[in-house]
């Protein structure tokens, strides 16, 4: 967003880069399959998973919509978030 400090916006991100791979794997999907559901190119999915590009509100919205299409619940997203947090505390990838 031009001229706007994204951190000052009243929005809390539901997703993080490390979560993306686990969300995709929850449904045993390839990056290409997951990208098709989310309407995001496979190459962009790969870069998002590797934290090579910013997980903008645009991409997050598309991924959340894809999760809804795949019937991934808010509880499942929270579980994945907690799993990623625990792995980070343990120092594991």
PDB file of N, CA and C in Angstrom:
ATOM      1  N   UNK A   1       0.844  -1.172   0.000  1.00  0.00           N
ATOM      2  CA  UNK A   1       0.000   0.000   0.000  1.00  0.00           C
ATOM      3  C   UNK A   1       0.891   1.238   0.000  1.00  0.00           C
ATOM      4  N   UNK A   2       0.593   2.150  -0.837  1.00  0.00           N
ATOM      5  CA  UNK A   2       1.425   3.336  -1.026  1.00  0.00           C
ATOM      6  C   UNK A   2       1.188   4.321   0.107  1.00  0.00           C
ATOM      7  N   UNK A   3       2.277   4.679   0.784  1.00  0.00           N
ATOM      8  CA  UNK A   3       2.212   5.699   1.826  1.00  0.00           C
ATOM      9  C   UNK A   3       1.522   5.277   3.108  1.00  0.00           C
ATOM     10  N   UNK A   4       1.287   3.999   3.281  1.00  0.00           N
ATOM     11  CA  UNK A   4       0.601   3.521   4.484  1.00  0.00           C
ATOM     12  C   UNK A   4       1.517   2.536   5.196  1.00  0.00           C
ATOM     13  N   UNK A   5       1.680   2.756   6.498  1.00  0.00           N
ATOM     14  CA  UNK A   5       2.456   1.811   7.311  1.00  0.00           C
ATOM     15  C   UNK A   5       1.559   0.615   7.601  1.00  0.00           C
ATOM     16  N   UNK A   6       1.862  -0.506   6.969  1.00  0.00           N
ATOM     17  CA  UNK A   6       1.035  -1.703   7.103  1.00  0.00           C
ATOM     18  C   UNK A   6       0.906  -2.126   8.557  1.00  0.00           C
ATOM     19  N   UNK A   7       1.943  -1.906   9.345  1.00  0.00           N
ATOM     20  CA  UNK A   7       1.906  -2.307  10.751  1.00  0.00           C
ATOM     21  C   UNK A   7       0.927  -1.491  11.574  1.00  0.00           C
ATOM     22  N   UNK A   8       0.514  -0.329  11.075  1.00  0.00           N
ATOM     23  CA  UNK A   8      -0.415   0.509  11.822  1.00  0.00           C
ATOM     24  C   UNK A   8      -1.871   0.173  11.526  1.00  0.00           C
ATOM     25  N   UNK A   9      -2.097  -0.713  10.559  1.00  0.00           N
ATOM     26  CA  UNK A   9      -3.467  -1.073  10.204  1.00  0.00           C
ATOM     27  C   UNK A   9      -4.060  -2.024  11.240  1.00  0.00           C
ATOM     28  N   UNK A  10      -5.368  -1.896  11.492  1.00  0.00           N
ATOM     29  CA  UNK A  10      -6.009  -2.751  12.502  1.00  0.00           C
ATOM     30  C   UNK A  10      -6.358  -4.132  11.948  1.00  0.00           C
ATOM     31  N   UNK A  11      -5.361  -4.840  11.492  1.00  0.00           N
ATOM     32  CA  UNK A  11      -5.584  -6.167  10.928  1.00  0.00           C
ATOM     33  C   UNK A  11      -4.544  -7.106  11.484  1.00  0.00           C
ATOM     34  N   UNK A  12      -5.002  -8.238  11.966  1.00  0.00           N
ATOM     35  CA  UNK A  12      -4.079  -9.249  12.473  1.00  0.00           C
ATOM     36  C   UNK A  12      -4.033 -10.398  11.482  1.00  0.00           C
ATOM     37  N   UNK A  13      -2.859 -10.665  10.973  1.00  0.00           N
ATOM     38  CA  UNK A  13      -2.679 -11.724   9.993  1.00  0.00           C
ATOM     39  C   UNK A  13      -3.011 -13.079  10.608  1.00  0.00           C
ATOM     40  N   UNK A  14      -3.728 -13.902   9.839  1.00  0.00           N
ATOM     41  CA  UNK A  14      -4.077 -15.240  10.303  1.00  0.00           C
ATOM     42  C   UNK A  14      -3.055 -16.273   9.876  1.00  0.00           C
ATOM     43  N   UNK A  15      -2.234 -15.919   8.884  1.00  0.00           N
ATOM     44  CA  UNK A  15      -1.280 -16.862   8.321  1.00  0.00           C
ATOM     45  C   UNK A  15       0.146 -16.355   8.454  1.00  0.00           C
ATOM     46  N   UNK A  16       1.077 -17.296   8.472  1.00  0.00           N
ATOM     47  CA  UNK A  16       2.494 -16.974   8.428  1.00  0.00           C
ATOM     48  C   UNK A  16       3.123 -17.827   7.336  1.00  0.00           C
ATOM     49  N   UNK A  17       4.298 -17.424   6.879  1.00  0.00           N
ATOM     50  CA  UNK A  17       4.982 -18.188   5.832  1.00  0.00           C
ATOM     51  C   UNK A  17       5.141 -19.671   6.195  1.00  0.00           C
ATOM     52  N   UNK A  18       5.620 -19.993   7.391  1.00  0.00           N
ATOM     53  CA  UNK A  18       5.816 -21.421   7.709  1.00  0.00           C
ATOM     54  C   UNK A  18       4.510 -22.228   7.726  1.00  0.00           C
ATOM     55  N   UNK A  19       3.389 -21.563   7.976  1.00  0.00           N
ATOM     56  CA  UNK A  19       2.108 -22.270   8.031  1.00  0.00           C
ATOM     57  C   UNK A  19       1.662 -22.771   6.669  1.00  0.00           C
ATOM     58  N   UNK A  20       2.070 -22.096   5.609  1.00  0.00           N
ATOM     59  CA  UNK A  20       1.530 -22.393   4.284  1.00  0.00           C
ATOM     60  C   UNK A  20       1.776 -23.837   3.856  1.00  0.00           C
ATOM     61  N   UNK A  21       2.981 -24.311   4.072  1.00  0.00           N
ATOM     62  CA  UNK A  21       3.298 -25.684   3.678  1.00  0.00           C
ATOM     63  C   UNK A  21       2.425 -26.685   4.436  1.00  0.00           C
ATOM     64  N   UNK A  22       2.246 -26.467   5.733  1.00  0.00           N
ATOM     65  CA  UNK A  22       1.462 -27.399   6.539  1.00  0.00           C
ATOM     66  C   UNK A  22      -0.019 -27.343   6.185  1.00  0.00           C
ATOM     67  N   UNK A  23      -0.516 -26.145   5.869  1.00  0.00           N
ATOM     68  CA  UNK A  23      -1.911 -26.024   5.440  1.00  0.00           C
ATOM     69  C   UNK A  23      -2.114 -26.838   4.165  1.00  0.00           C
ATOM     70  N   UNK A  24      -1.193 -26.691   3.240  1.00  0.00           N
ATOM     71  CA  UNK A  24      -1.266 -27.419   1.969  1.00  0.00           C
ATOM     72  C   UNK A  24      -1.201 -28.927   2.215  1.00  0.00           C
ATOM     73  N   UNK A  25      -0.298 -29.342   3.088  1.00  0.00           N
ATOM     74  CA  UNK A  25      -0.122 -30.765   3.354  1.00  0.00           C
ATOM     75  C   UNK A  25      -1.290 -31.364   4.145  1.00  0.00           C
ATOM     76  N   UNK A  26      -2.062 -30.523   4.838  1.00  0.00           N
ATOM     77  CA  UNK A  26      -3.261 -31.011   5.540  1.00  0.00           C
ATOM     78  C   UNK A  26      -4.216 -31.709   4.579  1.00  0.00           C
ATOM     79  N   UNK A  27      -4.179 -31.280   3.329  1.00  0.00           N
ATOM     80  CA  UNK A  27      -5.049 -31.885   2.316  1.00  0.00           C
ATOM     81  C   UNK A  27      -4.247 -32.691   1.296  1.00  0.00           C
ATOM     82  N   UNK A  28      -2.991 -32.992   1.650  1.00  0.00           N
ATOM     83  CA  UNK A  28      -2.135 -33.832   0.802  1.00  0.00           C
ATOM     84  C   UNK A  28      -2.096 -33.323  -0.640  1.00  0.00           C
ATOM     85  N   UNK A  29      -1.828 -32.017  -0.783  1.00  0.00           N
ATOM     86  CA  UNK A  29      -1.846 -31.376  -2.089  1.00  0.00           C
ATOM     87  C   UNK A  29      -0.461 -30.912  -2.488  1.00  0.00           C
ATOM     88  N   UNK A  30      -0.214 -30.929  -3.785  1.00  0.00           N
ATOM     89  CA  UNK A  30       1.023 -30.347  -4.312  1.00  0.00           C
ATOM     90  C   UNK A  30       0.865 -28.829  -4.331  1.00  0.00           C
ATOM     91  N   UNK A  31       1.968 -28.128  -4.536  1.00  0.00           N
ATOM     92  CA  UNK A  31       1.904 -26.671  -4.643  1.00  0.00           C
ATOM     93  C   UNK A  31       1.021 -26.268  -5.822  1.00  0.00           C
ATOM     94  N   UNK A  32       1.113 -27.017  -6.899  1.00  0.00           N
ATOM     95  CA  UNK A  32       0.315 -26.705  -8.083  1.00  0.00           C
ATOM     96  C   UNK A  32      -1.178 -26.867  -7.806  1.00  0.00           C
ATOM     97  N   UNK A  33      -1.545 -27.958  -7.134  1.00  0.00           N
ATOM     98  CA  UNK A  33      -2.955 -28.193  -6.804  1.00  0.00           C
ATOM     99  C   UNK A  33      -3.478 -27.122  -5.843  1.00  0.00           C
ATOM    100  N   UNK A  34      -2.691 -26.829  -4.810  1.00  0.00           N
ATOM    101  CA  UNK A  34      -3.102 -25.833  -3.825  1.00  0.00           C
ATOM    102  C   UNK A  34      -3.202 -24.460  -4.477  1.00  0.00           C
ATOM    103  N   UNK A  35      -2.236 -24.143  -5.338  1.00  0.00           N
ATOM    104  CA  UNK A  35      -2.262 -22.871  -6.050  1.00  0.00           C
ATOM    105  C   UNK A  35      -3.497 -22.734  -6.920  1.00  0.00           C
ATOM    106  N   UNK A  36      -3.909 -23.816  -7.570  1.00  0.00           N
ATOM    107  CA  UNK A  36      -5.101 -23.775  -8.420  1.00  0.00           C
ATOM    108  C   UNK A  36      -6.344 -23.456  -7.593  1.00  0.00           C
ATOM    109  N   UNK A  37      -6.454 -24.063  -6.420  1.00  0.00           N
ATOM    110  CA  UNK A  37      -7.602 -23.807  -5.549  1.00  0.00           C
ATOM    111  C   UNK A  37      -7.590 -22.362  -5.050  1.00  0.00           C
ATOM    112  N   UNK A  38      -6.389 -21.863  -4.735  1.00  0.00           N
ATOM    113  CA  UNK A  38      -6.259 -20.499  -4.205  1.00  0.00           C
ATOM    114  C   UNK A  38      -6.190 -19.441  -5.304  1.00  0.00           C
ATOM    115  N   UNK A  39      -6.114 -19.893  -6.554  1.00  0.00           N
ATOM    116  CA  UNK A  39      -5.982 -18.993  -7.708  1.00  0.00           C
ATOM    117  C   UNK A  39      -4.686 -18.188  -7.625  1.00  0.00           C
ATOM    118  N   UNK A  40      -3.602 -18.904  -7.267  1.00  0.00           N
ATOM    119  CA  UNK A  40      -2.254 -18.341  -7.188  1.00  0.00           C
ATOM    120  C   UNK A  40      -1.331 -19.284  -7.949  1.00  0.00           C
ATOM    121  N   UNK A  41      -0.426 -18.731  -8.730  1.00  0.00           N
ATOM    122  CA  UNK A  41       0.518 -19.524  -9.499  1.00  0.00           C
ATOM    123  C   UNK A  41       1.382 -20.392  -8.577  1.00  0.00           C
ATOM    124  N   UNK A  42       1.737 -21.581  -9.028  1.00  0.00           N
ATOM    125  CA  UNK A  42       2.551 -22.509  -8.233  1.00  0.00           C
ATOM    126  C   UNK A  42       3.870 -21.874  -7.830  1.00  0.00           C
ATOM    127  N   UNK A  43       4.493 -21.122  -8.717  1.00  0.00           N
ATOM    128  CA  UNK A  43       5.767 -20.476  -8.391  1.00  0.00           C
ATOM    129  C   UNK A  43       5.638 -19.481  -7.253  1.00  0.00           C
ATOM    130  N   UNK A  44       4.518 -18.790  -7.209  1.00  0.00           N
ATOM    131  CA  UNK A  44       4.268 -17.838  -6.119  1.00  0.00           C
ATOM    132  C   UNK A  44       4.048 -18.595  -4.815  1.00  0.00           C
ATOM    133  N   UNK A  45       3.317 -19.696  -4.878  1.00  0.00           N
ATOM    134  CA  UNK A  45       3.117 -20.527  -3.674  1.00  0.00           C
ATOM    135  C   UNK A  45       4.470 -20.969  -3.134  1.00  0.00           C
ATOM    136  N   UNK A  46       5.349 -21.434  -4.010  1.00  0.00           N
ATOM    137  CA  UNK A  46       6.681 -21.892  -3.590  1.00  0.00           C
ATOM    138  C   UNK A  46       7.454 -20.746  -2.926  1.00  0.00           C
ATOM    139  N   UNK A  47       7.418 -19.571  -3.521  1.00  0.00           N
ATOM    140  CA  UNK A  47       8.141 -18.422  -2.955  1.00  0.00           C
ATOM    141  C   UNK A  47       7.538 -17.982  -1.630  1.00  0.00           C
ATOM    142  N   UNK A  48       6.218 -18.059  -1.505  1.00  0.00           N
ATOM    143  CA  UNK A  48       5.577 -17.729  -0.232  1.00  0.00           C
ATOM    144  C   UNK A  48       5.996 -18.717   0.850  1.00  0.00           C
ATOM    145  N   UNK A  49       6.010 -20.004   0.515  1.00  0.00           N
ATOM    146  CA  UNK A  49       6.412 -21.022   1.490  1.00  0.00           C
ATOM    147  C   UNK A  49       7.854 -20.828   1.939  1.00  0.00           C
ATOM    148  N   UNK A  50       8.717 -20.369   1.046  1.00  0.00           N
ATOM    149  CA  UNK A  50      10.137 -20.150   1.376  1.00  0.00           C
ATOM    150  C   UNK A  50      10.408 -18.754   1.930  1.00  0.00           C
ATOM    151  N   UNK A  51       9.356 -17.955   2.091  1.00  0.00           N
ATOM    152  CA  UNK A  51       9.467 -16.591   2.619  1.00  0.00           C
ATOM    153  C   UNK A  51      10.325 -15.701   1.708  1.00  0.00           C
ATOM    154  N   UNK A  52      10.233 -15.939   0.407  1.00  0.00           N
ATOM    155  CA  UNK A  52      10.981 -15.134  -0.558  1.00  0.00           C
ATOM    156  C   UNK A  52      10.192 -13.919  -1.019  1.00  0.00           C
ATOM    157  N   UNK A  53       8.886 -13.965  -0.844  1.00  0.00           N
ATOM    158  CA  UNK A  53       8.063 -12.786  -1.117  1.00  0.00           C
ATOM    159  C   UNK A  53       7.122 -12.569   0.062  1.00  0.00           C
ATOM    160  N   UNK A  54       6.695 -11.326   0.210  1.00  0.00           N
ATOM    161  CA  UNK A  54       5.862 -10.950   1.350  1.00  0.00           C
ATOM    162  C   UNK A  54       4.489 -11.602   1.260  1.00  0.00           C
ATOM    163  N   UNK A  55       4.000 -12.065   2.385  1.00  0.00           N
ATOM    164  CA  UNK A  55       2.648 -12.620   2.478  1.00  0.00           C
ATOM    165  C   UNK A  55       1.699 -11.444   2.662  1.00  0.00           C
ATOM    166  N   UNK A  56       1.387 -10.793   1.559  1.00  0.00           N
ATOM    167  CA  UNK A  56       0.559  -9.586   1.591  1.00  0.00           C
ATOM    168  C   UNK A  56      -0.893  -9.947   1.896  1.00  0.00           C
ATOM    169  N   UNK A  57      -1.664  -8.925   2.177  1.00  0.00           N
ATOM    170  CA  UNK A  57      -3.087  -9.114   2.433  1.00  0.00           C
ATOM    171  C   UNK A  57      -3.761  -9.732   1.209  1.00  0.00           C
ATOM    172  N   UNK A  58      -3.308  -9.366   0.022  1.00  0.00           N
ATOM    173  CA  UNK A  58      -3.853  -9.920  -1.225  1.00  0.00           C
ATOM    174  C   UNK A  58      -3.666 -11.441  -1.259  1.00  0.00           C
ATOM    175  N   UNK A  59      -2.437 -11.901  -1.031  1.00  0.00           N
ATOM    176  CA  UNK A  59      -2.171 -13.342  -1.066  1.00  0.00           C
ATOM    177  C   UNK A  59      -2.862 -14.057   0.095  1.00  0.00           C
ATOM    178  N   UNK A  60      -2.841 -13.436   1.259  1.00  0.00           N
ATOM    179  CA  UNK A  60      -3.479 -14.067   2.413  1.00  0.00           C
ATOM    180  C   UNK A  60      -4.976 -14.263   2.164  1.00  0.00           C
ATOM    181  N   UNK A  61      -5.613 -13.269   1.582  1.00  0.00           N
ATOM    182  CA  UNK A  61      -7.040 -13.377   1.283  1.00  0.00           C
ATOM    183  C   UNK A  61      -7.314 -14.520   0.317  1.00  0.00           C
ATOM    184  N   UNK A  62      -6.494 -14.639  -0.716  1.00  0.00           N
ATOM    185  CA  UNK A  62      -6.672 -15.726  -1.691  1.00  0.00           C
ATOM    186  C   UNK A  62      -6.474 -17.096  -1.029  1.00  0.00           C
ATOM    187  N   UNK A  63      -5.491 -17.191  -0.140  1.00  0.00           N
ATOM    188  CA  UNK A  63      -5.224 -18.463   0.537  1.00  0.00           C
ATOM    189  C   UNK A  63      -6.355 -18.802   1.504  1.00  0.00           C
ATOM    190  N   UNK A  64      -6.853 -17.819   2.229  1.00  0.00           N
ATOM    191  CA  UNK A  64      -7.985 -18.046   3.141  1.00  0.00           C
ATOM    192  C   UNK A  64      -9.208 -18.517   2.346  1.00  0.00           C
ATOM    193  N   UNK A  65      -9.457 -17.897   1.196  1.00  0.00           N
ATOM    194  CA  UNK A  65     -10.570 -18.327   0.349  1.00  0.00           C
ATOM    195  C   UNK A  65     -10.357 -19.764  -0.136  1.00  0.00           C
ATOM    196  N   UNK A  66      -9.118 -20.103  -0.480  1.00  0.00           N
ATOM    197  CA  UNK A  66      -8.799 -21.470  -0.876  1.00  0.00           C
ATOM    198  C   UNK A  66      -9.025 -22.446   0.267  1.00  0.00           C
ATOM    199  N   UNK A  67      -8.654 -22.033   1.475  1.00  0.00           N
ATOM    200  CA  UNK A  67      -8.877 -22.882   2.653  1.00  0.00           C
ATOM    201  C   UNK A  67     -10.364 -23.137   2.867  1.00  0.00           C
ATOM    202  N   UNK A  68     -11.162 -22.100   2.672  1.00  0.00           N
ATOM    203  CA  UNK A  68     -12.622 -22.277   2.796  1.00  0.00           C
ATOM    204  C   UNK A  68     -13.135 -23.276   1.763  1.00  0.00           C
ATOM    205  N   UNK A  69     -12.619 -23.159   0.528  1.00  0.00           N
ATOM    206  CA  UNK A  69     -13.036 -24.078  -0.535  1.00  0.00           C
ATOM    207  C   UNK A  69     -12.652 -25.520  -0.203  1.00  0.00           C
ATOM    208  N   UNK A  70     -11.555 -25.686   0.547  1.00  0.00           N
ATOM    209  CA  UNK A  70     -11.079 -27.011   0.934  1.00  0.00           C
ATOM    210  C   UNK A  70     -11.643 -27.465   2.281  1.00  0.00           C
ATOM    211  N   UNK A  71     -12.553 -26.673   2.844  1.00  0.00           N
ATOM    212  CA  UNK A  71     -13.163 -26.966   4.145  1.00  0.00           C
ATOM    213  C   UNK A  71     -12.126 -27.066   5.266  1.00  0.00           C
ATOM    214  N   UNK A  72     -11.122 -26.212   5.214  1.00  0.00           N
ATOM    215  CA  UNK A  72     -10.148 -26.124   6.302  1.00  0.00           C
ATOM    216  C   UNK A  72     -10.709 -25.119   7.305  1.00  0.00           C
ATOM    217  N   UNK A  73     -10.995 -25.592   8.496  1.00  0.00           N
ATOM    218  CA  UNK A  73     -11.662 -24.771   9.503  1.00  0.00           C
ATOM    219  C   UNK A  73     -10.695 -23.818  10.197  1.00  0.00           C
ATOM    220  N   UNK A  74     -11.276 -22.851  10.894  1.00  0.00           N
ATOM    221  CA  UNK A  74     -10.477 -21.921  11.701  1.00  0.00           C
ATOM    222  C   UNK A  74      -9.698 -22.689  12.767  1.00  0.00           C
ATOM    223  N   UNK A  75     -10.320 -23.710  13.344  1.00  0.00           N
ATOM    224  CA  UNK A  75      -9.659 -24.531  14.355  1.00  0.00           C
ATOM    225  C   UNK A  75      -8.444 -25.238  13.760  1.00  0.00           C
ATOM    226  N   UNK A  76      -8.594 -25.746  12.547  1.00  0.00           N
ATOM    227  CA  UNK A  76      -7.482 -26.415  11.879  1.00  0.00           C
ATOM    228  C   UNK A  76      -6.346 -25.417  11.615  1.00  0.00           C
ATOM    229  N   UNK A  77      -6.696 -24.192  11.197  1.00  0.00           N
ATOM    230  CA  UNK A  77      -5.678 -23.161  10.972  1.00  0.00           C
ATOM    231  C   UNK A  77      -4.957 -22.819  12.276  1.00  0.00           C
ATOM    232  N   UNK A  78      -5.713 -22.715  13.360  1.00  0.00           N
ATOM    233  CA  UNK A  78      -5.099 -22.436  14.663  1.00  0.00           C
ATOM    234  C   UNK A  78      -4.182 -23.576  15.098  1.00  0.00           C
ATOM    235  N   UNK A  79      -4.590 -24.806  14.810  1.00  0.00           N
ATOM    236  CA  UNK A  79      -3.762 -25.968  15.145  1.00  0.00           C
ATOM    237  C   UNK A  79      -2.454 -25.957  14.364  1.00  0.00           C
ATOM    238  N   UNK A  80      -2.537 -25.611  13.091  1.00  0.00           N
ATOM    239  CA  UNK A  80      -1.325 -25.518  12.267  1.00  0.00           C
ATOM    240  C   UNK A  80      -0.425 -24.402  12.794  1.00  0.00           C
ATOM    241  N   UNK A  81      -1.025 -23.284  13.162  1.00  0.00           N
ATOM    242  CA  UNK A  81      -0.243 -22.164  13.706  1.00  0.00           C
ATOM    243  C   UNK A  81       0.494 -22.589  14.975  1.00  0.00           C
ATOM    244  N   UNK A  82      -0.189 -23.307  15.833  1.00  0.00           N
ATOM    245  CA  UNK A  82       0.423 -23.777  17.087  1.00  0.00           C
ATOM    246  C   UNK A  82       1.539 -24.788  16.796  1.00  0.00           C
ATOM    247  N   UNK A  83       1.322 -25.675  15.851  1.00  0.00           N
ATOM    248  CA  UNK A  83       2.339 -26.648  15.460  1.00  0.00           C
ATOM    249  C   UNK A  83       3.614 -25.937  14.997  1.00  0.00           C
ATOM    250  N   UNK A  84       3.448 -24.924  14.149  1.00  0.00           N
ATOM    251  CA  UNK A  84       4.594 -24.172  13.638  1.00  0.00           C
ATOM    252  C   UNK A  84       5.316 -23.455  14.776  1.00  0.00           C
ATOM    253  N   UNK A  85       4.549 -22.892  15.712  1.00  0.00           N
ATOM    254  CA  UNK A  85       5.154 -22.208  16.858  1.00  0.00           C
ATOM    255  C   UNK A  85       5.971 -23.192  17.703  1.00  0.00           C
ATOM    256  N   UNK A  86       5.413 -24.381  17.956  1.00  0.00           N
ATOM    257  CA  UNK A  86       6.125 -25.386  18.748  1.00  0.00           C
ATOM    258  C   UNK A  86       7.400 -25.865  18.052  1.00  0.00           C
ATOM    259  N   UNK A  87       7.323 -26.045  16.728  1.00  0.00           N
ATOM    260  CA  UNK A  87       8.506 -26.462  15.967  1.00  0.00           C
ATOM    261  C   UNK A  87       9.572 -25.375  16.035  1.00  0.00           C
ATOM    262  N   UNK A  88       9.174 -24.108  15.980  1.00  0.00           N
ATOM    263  CA  UNK A  88      10.140 -23.006  16.062  1.00  0.00           C
ATOM    264  C   UNK A  88      10.800 -22.959  17.436  1.00  0.00           C
ATOM    265  N   UNK A  89      10.014 -23.221  18.480  1.00  0.00           N
ATOM    266  CA  UNK A  89      10.584 -23.251  19.838  1.00  0.00           C
ATOM    267  C   UNK A  89      11.575 -24.380  19.995  1.00  0.00           C
ATOM    268  N   UNK A  90      11.282 -25.491  19.339  1.00  0.00           N
ATOM    269  CA  UNK A  90      12.148 -26.653  19.416  1.00  0.00           C
ATOM    270  C   UNK A  90      13.375 -26.502  18.531  1.00  0.00           C
ATOM    271  N   UNK A  91      13.323 -25.560  17.595  1.00  0.00           N
ATOM    272  CA  UNK A  91      14.462 -25.322  16.716  1.00  0.00           C
ATOM    273  C   UNK A  91      14.496 -26.266  15.541  1.00  0.00           C
ATOM    274  N   UNK A  92      13.339 -26.809  15.177  1.00  0.00           N
ATOM    275  CA  UNK A  92      13.246 -27.759  14.070  1.00  0.00           C
ATOM    276  C   UNK A  92      12.601 -27.090  12.883  1.00  0.00           C
ATOM    277  N   UNK A  93      12.959 -27.549  11.667  1.00  0.00           N
ATOM    278  CA  UNK A  93      12.312 -27.007  10.461  1.00  0.00           C
ATOM    279  C   UNK A  93      11.138 -27.820  10.138  1.00  0.00           C
TER     280      UNK A  93
END
